[in-house]
Amino acid sequence: MIKHIVLFKFREDSDIDKIRAVFQHFTDLMKSVSYIQSYNFGPYNGCPAMPNRGFNYGFEMEFSSIHNRDQYMSDPNHLAVAPQVYELLKDGDNSMLAFGYDTGSPL
């Protein structure tokens, strides 16, 4: 299983409806394709042990293979949401962090 995690630093003055629209876009995409196994998202909810370093929203997806993850990354519907996301970011590319890993990969 491939995990794909993305964290965002959205501007504090971002319109909540625009934030909802971004995450709804990913929800709709998951419903329309078979290669996304699961998808969850939400706002930062605090963690006393670790600072959030300004990241205030995030999502995670699961894929059955790297091939399926790569399919998602190049899907025109995925790429279409980029302008909506960038409009909300606090500091461009510095306001996103993507991390992926294979849950079955040995250390």
C-alpha atoms as a PDB file:
ATOM      1  CA  MET A   1       0.000   0.000   0.000  1.00  0.00           C
ATOM      2  CA  ILE A   2       1.324   3.437  -0.952  1.00  0.00           C
ATOM      3  CA  LYS A   3       0.523   6.350   1.360  1.00  0.00           C
ATOM      4  CA  HIS A   4       0.501   9.874  -0.076  1.00  0.00           C
ATOM      5  CA  ILE A   5       0.383  12.654   2.518  1.00  0.00           C
ATOM      6  CA  VAL A   6       0.222  16.360   1.710  1.00  0.00           C
ATOM      7  CA  LEU A   7       0.314  19.219   4.220  1.00  0.00           C
ATOM      8  CA  PHE A   8      -0.621  22.817   3.435  1.00  0.00           C
ATOM      9  CA  LYS A   9       0.019  26.215   4.962  1.00  0.00           C
ATOM     10  CA  PHE A  10      -3.063  28.096   3.840  1.00  0.00           C
ATOM     11  CA  ARG A  11      -3.160  31.842   4.448  1.00  0.00           C
ATOM     12  CA  GLU A  12      -5.025  32.787   7.633  1.00  0.00           C
ATOM     13  CA  ASP A  13      -7.390  34.976   5.606  1.00  0.00           C
ATOM     14  CA  SER A  14      -8.278  32.172   3.171  1.00  0.00           C
ATOM     15  CA  ASP A  15     -11.969  31.810   2.445  1.00  0.00           C
ATOM     16  CA  ILE A  16     -13.152  28.614   4.171  1.00  0.00           C
ATOM     17  CA  ASP A  17     -15.475  27.870   1.237  1.00  0.00           C
ATOM     18  CA  LYS A  18     -12.481  27.869  -1.114  1.00  0.00           C
ATOM     19  CA  ILE A  19     -10.646  25.491   1.221  1.00  0.00           C
ATOM     20  CA  ARG A  20     -13.687  23.214   1.307  1.00  0.00           C
ATOM     21  CA  ALA A  21     -13.853  23.329  -2.509  1.00  0.00           C
ATOM     22  CA  VAL A  22     -10.248  22.117  -2.772  1.00  0.00           C
ATOM     23  CA  PHE A  23     -10.878  19.111  -0.556  1.00  0.00           C
ATOM     24  CA  GLN A  24     -14.213  18.430  -2.262  1.00  0.00           C
ATOM     25  CA  HIS A  25     -12.357  18.330  -5.576  1.00  0.00           C
ATOM     26  CA  PHE A  26     -10.188  15.484  -4.240  1.00  0.00           C
ATOM     27  CA  THR A  27     -13.264  13.739  -2.810  1.00  0.00           C
ATOM     28  CA  ASP A  28     -14.977  13.920  -6.203  1.00  0.00           C
ATOM     29  CA  LEU A  29     -11.844  12.655  -7.924  1.00  0.00           C
ATOM     30  CA  MET A  30     -11.697   9.642  -5.602  1.00  0.00           C
ATOM     31  CA  LYS A  31     -15.315   8.829  -6.429  1.00  0.00           C
ATOM     32  CA  SER A  32     -14.656   9.000 -10.180  1.00  0.00           C
ATOM     33  CA  VAL A  33     -11.508   6.843 -10.448  1.00  0.00           C
ATOM     34  CA  SER A  34     -10.635   3.390  -9.213  1.00  0.00           C
ATOM     35  CA  TYR A  35      -6.969   3.885  -8.380  1.00  0.00           C
ATOM     36  CA  ILE A  36      -7.462   5.897  -5.146  1.00  0.00           C
ATOM     37  CA  GLN A  37      -8.133   3.382  -2.368  1.00  0.00           C
ATOM     38  CA  SER A  38      -8.922   5.893   0.383  1.00  0.00           C
ATOM     39  CA  TYR A  39      -8.844   9.613   1.070  1.00  0.00           C
ATOM     40  CA  ASN A  40      -9.095  11.649   4.271  1.00  0.00           C
ATOM     41  CA  PHE A  41      -8.500  15.318   4.994  1.00  0.00           C
ATOM     42  CA  GLY A  42      -8.843  17.884   7.708  1.00  0.00           C
ATOM     43  CA  PRO A  43      -7.485  20.874   9.576  1.00  0.00           C
ATOM     44  CA  TYR A  44      -4.616  20.676  12.035  1.00  0.00           C
ATOM     45  CA  ASN A  45      -6.050  19.752  15.425  1.00  0.00           C
ATOM     46  CA  GLY A  46      -3.046  20.244  17.658  1.00  0.00           C
ATOM     47  CA  CYS A  47      -0.340  17.928  18.869  1.00  0.00           C
ATOM     48  CA  PRO A  48       1.399  18.862  22.116  1.00  0.00           C
ATOM     49  CA  ALA A  49       4.473  16.788  21.301  1.00  0.00           C
ATOM     50  CA  MET A  50       5.239  18.380  17.925  1.00  0.00           C
ATOM     51  CA  PRO A  51       4.868  21.866  16.480  1.00  0.00           C
ATOM     52  CA  ASN A  52       2.883  22.144  13.247  1.00  0.00           C
ATOM     53  CA  ARG A  53       5.407  24.610  11.753  1.00  0.00           C
ATOM     54  CA  GLY A  54       2.530  26.558  10.226  1.00  0.00           C
ATOM     55  CA  PHE A  55       0.913  23.649   8.379  1.00  0.00           C
ATOM     56  CA  ASN A  56      -2.798  24.016   9.050  1.00  0.00           C
ATOM     57  CA  TYR A  57      -4.510  21.529   6.681  1.00  0.00           C
ATOM     58  CA  GLY A  58      -3.638  18.164   5.240  1.00  0.00           C
ATOM     59  CA  PHE A  59      -4.828  15.074   3.470  1.00  0.00           C
ATOM     60  CA  GLU A  60      -3.740  11.513   2.936  1.00  0.00           C
ATOM     61  CA  MET A  61      -4.523   9.041   0.198  1.00  0.00           C
ATOM     62  CA  GLU A  62      -3.811   5.367  -0.233  1.00  0.00           C
ATOM     63  CA  PHE A  63      -2.981   3.601  -3.468  1.00  0.00           C
ATOM     64  CA  SER A  64      -2.416  -0.090  -4.116  1.00  0.00           C
ATOM     65  CA  SER A  65       0.779   0.575  -6.096  1.00  0.00           C
ATOM     66  CA  ILE A  66       3.258   3.243  -7.112  1.00  0.00           C
ATOM     67  CA  HIS A  67       1.837   2.941 -10.624  1.00  0.00           C
ATOM     68  CA  ASN A  68      -1.602   3.941  -9.317  1.00  0.00           C
ATOM     69  CA  ARG A  69      -0.112   6.843  -7.339  1.00  0.00           C
ATOM     70  CA  ASP A  70       1.689   8.025 -10.469  1.00  0.00           C
ATOM     71  CA  GLN A  71      -1.565   7.732 -12.418  1.00  0.00           C
ATOM     72  CA  TYR A  72      -3.156  10.078  -9.885  1.00  0.00           C
ATOM     73  CA  MET A  73      -0.241  12.533 -10.040  1.00  0.00           C
ATOM     74  CA  SER A  74      -0.614  12.921 -13.808  1.00  0.00           C
ATOM     75  CA  ASP A  75      -4.425  12.843 -13.929  1.00  0.00           C
ATOM     76  CA  PRO A  76      -5.739  16.049 -15.572  1.00  0.00           C
ATOM     77  CA  ASN A  77      -8.424  16.293 -12.874  1.00  0.00           C
ATOM     78  CA  HIS A  78      -5.747  16.274 -10.178  1.00  0.00           C
ATOM     79  CA  LEU A  79      -3.673  18.874 -12.003  1.00  0.00           C
ATOM     80  CA  ALA A  80      -6.757  21.065 -12.508  1.00  0.00           C
ATOM     81  CA  VAL A  81      -7.019  21.812  -8.782  1.00  0.00           C
ATOM     82  CA  ALA A  82      -3.483  23.262  -8.573  1.00  0.00           C
ATOM     83  CA  PRO A  83      -4.518  26.885  -9.293  1.00  0.00           C
ATOM     84  CA  GLN A  84      -7.160  26.699  -6.543  1.00  0.00           C
ATOM     85  CA  VAL A  85      -4.578  25.382  -4.076  1.00  0.00           C
ATOM     86  CA  TYR A  86      -1.886  27.917  -4.993  1.00  0.00           C
ATOM     87  CA  GLU A  87      -4.358  30.770  -4.529  1.00  0.00           C
ATOM     88  CA  LEU A  88      -4.732  29.774  -0.869  1.00  0.00           C
ATOM     89  CA  LEU A  89      -1.088  29.067  -0.023  1.00  0.00           C
ATOM     90  CA  LYS A  90       0.735  31.354   2.351  1.00  0.00           C
ATOM     91  CA  ASP A  91       4.094  31.209   0.530  1.00  0.00           C
ATOM     92  CA  GLY A  92       3.871  29.252  -2.743  1.00  0.00           C
ATOM     93  CA  ASP A  93       5.754  25.947  -2.907  1.00  0.00           C
ATOM     94  CA  ASN A  94       7.191  26.586   0.565  1.00  0.00           C
ATOM     95  CA  SER A  95       3.665  26.143   1.906  1.00  0.00           C
ATOM     96  CA  MET A  96       3.249  22.520   0.820  1.00  0.00           C
ATOM     97  CA  LEU A  97       4.878  19.320   1.959  1.00  0.00           C
ATOM     98  CA  ALA A  98       4.261  16.003   0.228  1.00  0.00           C
ATOM     99  CA  PHE A  99       5.449  12.726   1.676  1.00  0.00           C
ATOM    100  CA  GLY A 100       4.850   9.233   0.388  1.00  0.00           C
ATOM    101  CA  TYR A 101       5.830   5.811   1.585  1.00  0.00           C
ATOM    102  CA  ASP A 102       5.218   2.129   0.929  1.00  0.00           C
ATOM    103  CA  THR A 103       3.610   0.507   3.979  1.00  0.00           C
ATOM    104  CA  GLY A 104       5.088  -2.855   2.991  1.00  0.00           C
ATOM    105  CA  SER A 105       8.660  -1.676   2.484  1.00  0.00           C
ATOM    106  CA  PRO A 106      11.213  -3.029   4.954  1.00  0.00           C
ATOM    107  CA  LEU A 107      13.557  -0.523   6.579  1.00  0.00           C
END
